[in-house]
Protein backbone atom coordinates (compact mmCIF):
# COMPACT_ATOMS: atom_id res chain seq x y z
CA MET A 1 1.81 -4.27 -12.77
CA ASN A 2 0.34 -7.58 -12.29
CA GLU A 3 0.64 -9.46 -8.81
CA GLN A 4 2.53 -12.08 -8.49
CA THR A 5 0.41 -15.64 -8.30
CA ASN A 6 0.23 -16.57 -4.57
CA PRO A 7 2.20 -19.73 -4.32
CA LYS A 8 0.49 -22.52 -1.93
CA PRO A 9 3.05 -23.26 1.14
CA GLY A 10 5.96 -25.54 -0.13
CA SER A 11 5.04 -24.64 -3.89
CA ASP A 12 8.53 -24.64 -4.58
CA PRO A 13 9.99 -27.89 -3.96
CA ASP A 14 13.32 -27.07 -5.50
CA PHE A 15 14.07 -24.30 -3.55
CA VAL A 16 13.37 -25.56 -0.26
CA GLU A 17 15.20 -29.02 -1.19
CA ASP A 18 18.26 -26.33 -2.03
CA LEU A 19 17.98 -24.84 1.10
CA GLN A 20 17.74 -28.30 3.13
CA GLN A 21 20.85 -29.50 0.84
CA GLY A 22 22.65 -26.35 2.29
CA GLU A 23 22.27 -27.67 6.03
CA GLN A 24 23.65 -30.86 5.12
CA ASP A 25 26.68 -29.16 3.52
CA ALA A 26 27.18 -26.71 6.92
CA PRO A 27 30.88 -26.90 8.24
CA GLU A 28 31.43 -29.42 10.88
CA SER A 29 32.28 -28.32 14.32
CA GLY A 30 36.01 -27.37 14.57
CA SER A 31 36.27 -26.70 10.43
CA ASP A 32 37.90 -23.41 9.18
CA PRO A 33 34.84 -20.89 9.24
CA SER A 34 37.05 -19.22 6.59
CA GLU A 35 36.26 -21.64 4.08
CA HIS A 36 32.57 -21.06 4.31
CA GLU A 37 31.83 -17.33 4.07
CA SER A 38 28.32 -16.58 5.66
CA GLY A 39 26.36 -14.59 3.18
CA SER A 40 28.22 -16.46 0.14
CA ASP A 41 25.18 -19.16 -0.18
CA PRO A 42 21.52 -18.67 1.04
CA SER A 43 20.78 -22.13 0.59
CA ALA A 44 23.01 -22.49 3.84
CA PHE A 45 20.39 -21.40 6.33
CA ASP A 46 17.17 -23.27 6.84
CA VAL A 47 14.06 -21.85 5.13
CA GLU A 48 11.63 -22.54 7.81
CA HIS A 49 14.01 -20.55 10.40
CA VAL A 50 13.69 -17.55 7.64
CA LYS A 51 10.29 -17.68 6.97
CA ARG A 52 9.59 -17.29 10.83
CA VAL A 53 12.22 -14.55 10.95
CA LEU A 54 10.33 -12.50 8.27
CA GLU A 55 6.86 -13.57 9.61
CA ALA A 56 7.88 -12.09 13.14
CA ALA A 57 9.27 -8.71 11.48
CA LEU A 58 6.13 -8.21 9.53
CA LEU A 59 3.65 -9.05 12.32
CA SER A 60 5.35 -6.41 14.40
CA SER A 61 6.12 -3.83 12.21
CA THR A 62 3.48 -0.90 11.89
CA GLU A 63 4.68 -0.22 8.26
CA PRO A 64 5.32 -2.08 5.48
CA LEU A 65 8.96 -3.21 4.90
CA THR A 66 11.13 -3.34 1.97
CA VAL A 67 13.32 -6.26 0.76
CA GLN A 68 16.41 -4.42 1.81
CA GLN A 69 14.94 -3.47 5.27
CA LEU A 70 14.01 -7.76 5.29
CA LYS A 71 17.54 -8.59 4.40
CA ARG A 72 19.24 -6.83 7.36
CA LEU A 73 17.18 -9.18 9.75
CA PHE A 74 19.97 -11.47 8.65
CA SER A 75 23.09 -9.33 8.43
CA GLY A 76 23.00 -9.80 4.86
CA GLN A 77 23.99 -13.49 5.03
CA VAL A 78 20.40 -13.83 2.99
CA ASP A 79 20.10 -12.40 -0.30
CA ALA A 80 17.26 -10.40 -2.04
CA ASP A 81 16.75 -12.90 -4.15
CA THR A 82 16.24 -15.57 -1.57
CA ILE A 83 13.95 -12.91 0.70
CA ARG A 84 11.45 -12.70 -2.20
CA LYS A 85 11.22 -16.25 -2.69
CA VAL A 86 10.52 -16.95 1.12
CA LEU A 87 8.01 -14.13 0.97
CA GLU A 88 5.88 -15.58 -1.59
CA MET A 89 6.03 -18.94 0.26
CA LEU A 90 5.01 -17.22 3.39
CA ARG A 91 2.30 -15.67 1.28
CA GLY A 92 1.13 -18.72 0.54
CA GLU A 93 0.57 -19.94 3.96
CA TRP A 94 -1.20 -17.16 4.91
CA THR A 95 -3.83 -17.49 1.76
CA GLU A 96 -6.57 -19.03 3.45
CA ARG A 97 -6.33 -17.23 6.87
CA SER A 98 -8.09 -13.87 7.97
CA ILE A 99 -5.06 -11.78 7.56
CA GLU A 100 -2.90 -11.57 4.47
CA LEU A 101 0.70 -11.06 3.40
CA THR A 102 0.51 -8.19 0.53
CA SER A 103 3.06 -6.33 -1.46
CA VAL A 104 2.67 -2.68 -1.63
CA ALA A 105 4.42 0.41 -2.80
CA SER A 106 6.40 0.74 0.25
CA GLY A 107 7.34 -3.02 0.74
CA TRP A 108 5.53 -5.83 2.30
CA ARG A 109 3.16 -5.98 5.42
CA PHE A 110 0.97 -8.24 6.95
CA ARG A 111 -3.26 -6.76 6.77
CA VAL A 112 -7.11 -7.95 7.75
CA LYS A 113 -8.52 -9.08 4.39
CA PRO A 114 -11.19 -6.58 3.76
CA GLN A 115 -14.19 -9.13 4.20
CA TYR A 116 -13.26 -8.94 8.22
CA GLN A 117 -12.66 -5.48 8.75
CA GLU A 118 -16.14 -4.77 9.73
CA PHE A 119 -15.94 -6.81 12.22
CA LEU A 120 -13.16 -5.01 14.18
CA ASP A 121 -14.69 -1.92 13.24
CA ARG A 122 -17.35 -2.60 16.16
CA ILE A 123 -14.90 -2.97 18.66
CA THR A 124 -12.75 0.37 18.13
CA ASN A 125 -13.43 3.79 18.98
CA GLU A 126 -12.11 5.55 15.80
CA LYS A 127 -14.61 6.37 13.34
CA PRO A 128 -13.58 6.40 9.62
CA PRO A 129 -13.39 9.36 7.58
CA ARG A 130 -16.32 10.63 5.52
CA TYR A 131 -15.58 12.28 2.14
CA SER A 132 -17.62 14.63 -0.30
CA ARG A 133 -18.25 13.96 -3.72
CA ALA A 134 -15.67 17.18 -4.36
CA VAL A 135 -12.89 15.33 -2.28
CA LEU A 136 -13.12 12.11 -4.38
CA GLU A 137 -13.31 13.15 -7.87
CA THR A 138 -10.39 15.68 -7.26
CA LEU A 139 -8.63 12.51 -5.80
CA ALA A 140 -9.75 10.47 -9.01
CA ILE A 141 -8.61 13.25 -11.34
CA VAL A 142 -5.11 13.60 -9.74
CA ALA A 143 -4.71 9.60 -9.48
CA TYR A 144 -5.13 8.96 -13.47
CA ARG A 145 -3.83 12.44 -14.92
CA GLN A 146 -1.30 13.33 -12.55
CA PRO A 147 0.74 15.44 -12.73
CA VAL A 148 -2.26 18.09 -12.50
CA THR A 149 -2.43 21.66 -11.29
CA ARG A 150 -5.28 22.86 -9.66
CA GLY A 151 -6.23 24.58 -12.74
CA ASP A 152 -6.62 21.14 -14.52
CA ILE A 153 -8.51 19.92 -12.08
CA GLU A 154 -11.42 22.39 -12.28
CA ASP A 155 -11.23 22.28 -16.25
CA VAL A 156 -12.37 18.70 -15.49
CA ARG A 157 -14.87 19.25 -12.82
CA GLY A 158 -15.98 22.15 -14.45
CA VAL A 159 -16.29 23.72 -11.11
CA ALA A 160 -13.78 25.72 -8.95
CA VAL A 161 -11.97 23.73 -6.27
CA SER A 162 -11.49 25.29 -2.92
CA PRO A 163 -8.44 25.00 -0.67
CA PRO A 164 -10.14 22.89 1.71
CA THR A 165 -10.65 20.13 -0.73
CA LEU A 166 -7.12 19.76 -1.60
CA LYS A 167 -5.96 20.19 1.63
CA ALA A 168 -8.44 17.20 2.99
CA LEU A 169 -6.17 14.91 0.45
CA GLU A 170 -2.95 16.23 1.56
CA GLU A 171 -3.62 16.14 5.08
CA ARG A 172 -4.78 12.54 4.46
CA GLY A 173 -0.92 11.73 2.59
CA TRP A 174 -2.40 10.92 -0.14
CA ILE A 175 -1.62 13.77 -2.47
CA GLU A 176 1.43 16.18 -2.91
CA THR A 177 3.09 19.09 -4.38
CA VAL A 178 5.84 17.40 -6.71
CA GLY A 179 6.86 20.57 -8.62
CA TYR A 180 5.67 23.58 -10.55
CA ARG A 181 4.53 24.30 -14.29
CA GLU A 182 6.32 26.60 -15.99
CA THR A 183 3.36 28.91 -16.96
CA PRO A 184 2.39 32.27 -15.52
CA GLY A 185 1.99 32.30 -11.92
CA ARG A 186 3.98 28.74 -11.65
CA PRO A 187 0.98 27.06 -10.44
CA ALA A 188 1.68 24.15 -7.85
CA LEU A 189 1.87 20.39 -9.67
CA PHE A 190 -0.16 17.63 -7.51
CA ALA A 191 0.23 13.73 -7.48
CA THR A 192 -0.64 10.81 -5.58
CA THR A 193 1.79 9.50 -2.74
CA ARG A 194 3.24 6.10 -1.78
CA LYS A 195 0.68 6.23 1.45
CA PHE A 196 -1.95 6.45 -1.31
CA LEU A 197 -0.77 3.22 -3.26
CA ASP A 198 -0.64 1.39 0.12
CA ASP A 199 -3.73 2.18 1.50
CA LEU A 200 -5.29 1.08 -1.83
CA ASN A 201 -3.24 -2.11 -1.11
CA LEU A 202 -1.46 -1.41 -4.77
CA ARG A 203 2.47 -1.56 -5.51
CA SER A 204 2.22 1.17 -8.47
CA LEU A 205 -0.21 3.07 -10.29
CA GLU A 206 -0.84 0.81 -13.00
CA GLU A 207 -2.76 -1.44 -10.73
CA LEU A 208 -5.43 1.42 -10.75
CA PRO A 209 -8.88 0.02 -11.78
CA PRO A 210 -9.96 1.22 -15.07
CA LEU A 211 -11.26 4.79 -14.76
CA GLU A 212 -14.43 3.44 -16.06
CA GLU A 213 -14.87 1.36 -13.11
CA LEU A 214 -13.80 3.96 -10.78
CA GLN A 215 -16.68 6.15 -12.49
CA SER A 216 -19.22 3.41 -12.00
CA ALA A 217 -18.38 3.22 -8.53
CA LEU A 218 -19.15 7.03 -7.63
CA GLU A 219 -22.83 6.72 -9.03
CA PRO A 220 -25.11 6.92 -7.52
CA ALA A 221 -23.39 7.14 -4.43
CA PRO A 222 -19.84 9.05 -4.43
CA THR A 223 -17.64 6.04 -2.97
CA LEU A 224 -14.52 5.15 -3.59
CA VAL A 225 -14.69 1.30 -2.76
CA ALA A 226 -10.68 0.42 -2.88
CA LEU A 227 -10.42 2.76 0.19
CA GLU A 228 -12.53 1.05 2.52
CA ALA A 229 -9.21 -0.74 4.17
CA ALA A 230 -7.80 2.82 4.77
CA SER A 231 -7.92 4.53 8.07
CA ALA A 232 -7.21 7.92 9.24
CA PRO A 233 -5.24 8.87 12.70
CA PRO A 234 -8.24 10.19 15.24
CA GLN A 235 -6.35 13.48 15.17
CA GLN A 236 -7.23 14.09 11.76
CA ASP A 237 -10.74 13.52 11.76
CA SER A 238 -11.48 17.41 11.62
CA LEU A 239 -9.13 17.94 8.79
CA ILE A 240 -10.50 15.27 6.16
CA ASP A 241 -14.03 16.51 6.25
CA ASP A 242 -14.68 18.31 3.33
CA GLU A 243 -16.03 21.88 3.22
CA PRO A 244 -20.17 22.94 2.76
CA PRO A 245 -20.51 22.69 -0.66
CA THR A 246 -21.41 26.36 -1.99
CA PRO A 247 -23.10 27.08 -5.04
CA GLU A 248 -20.09 29.17 -6.54
CA THR A 249 -17.70 26.17 -5.98
CA GLU A 250 -19.62 22.87 -5.81
CA ASP A 251 -22.43 21.04 -6.98
CA PRO A 252 -25.44 21.87 -4.40
CA GLN A 253 -26.29 18.08 -4.92
CA GLU A 254 -22.87 16.94 -3.44
CA SER A 255 -23.40 15.18 0.00
CA PRO A 256 -20.49 13.23 1.77
CA ASN A 257 -20.68 9.63 1.50
CA HIS A 258 -18.58 7.16 3.85
CA ALA A 259 -15.67 6.01 2.01
CA GLY A 260 -13.02 5.02 4.83
């Protein structure tokens, strides 16, 4: 799924004109309100007012908000299509700033652009998580071949997958059990989550980079560049460090690298 082109502020003059015309056609004081049903015509609202309300809601939220959630801000008086158009206009307004409005799997959100995050990291006490090659390779296999079992992952990697490797990804909220394969033992099937897409700033799995690009990113250092913007709660730091590699389960050459 391709990202829609970010419109520049005011780049939809017809839409703005429609909204402004709606203001001119608004009922005069004393007229019968039943003749002008709220919610029947989204153009009856000031586009700037709608934009500022959406902006306030998104800036104050710690989680992405869906169009349906944002629609409730106006008690259903502004339809979903209007919300989407105004969001695109709002995204255009923030294009040249250090913070951007993005659409991810769970909805819309503001986020700091990656090139500015390193400066903010200097004034926070939270340390970014560190992941071994085992964790990153396991994550890549789940992302590109899901749903997969632990045995599937081991077939691709050529080594046994230790429980802490899968636990690290589950604790981070990047993978989850989505079912069980109907084979002897009924092994669990793993797939990525919406949080995984949100942390990579993606709307769907179709937006994942080609596997070749991911593999090149892992060489020579096993780092998932796309995960740089993701952050983990401090209390989970001890859970996301991968287990020390052993000759029986992991490549002795593996070493943890920063990917957070």
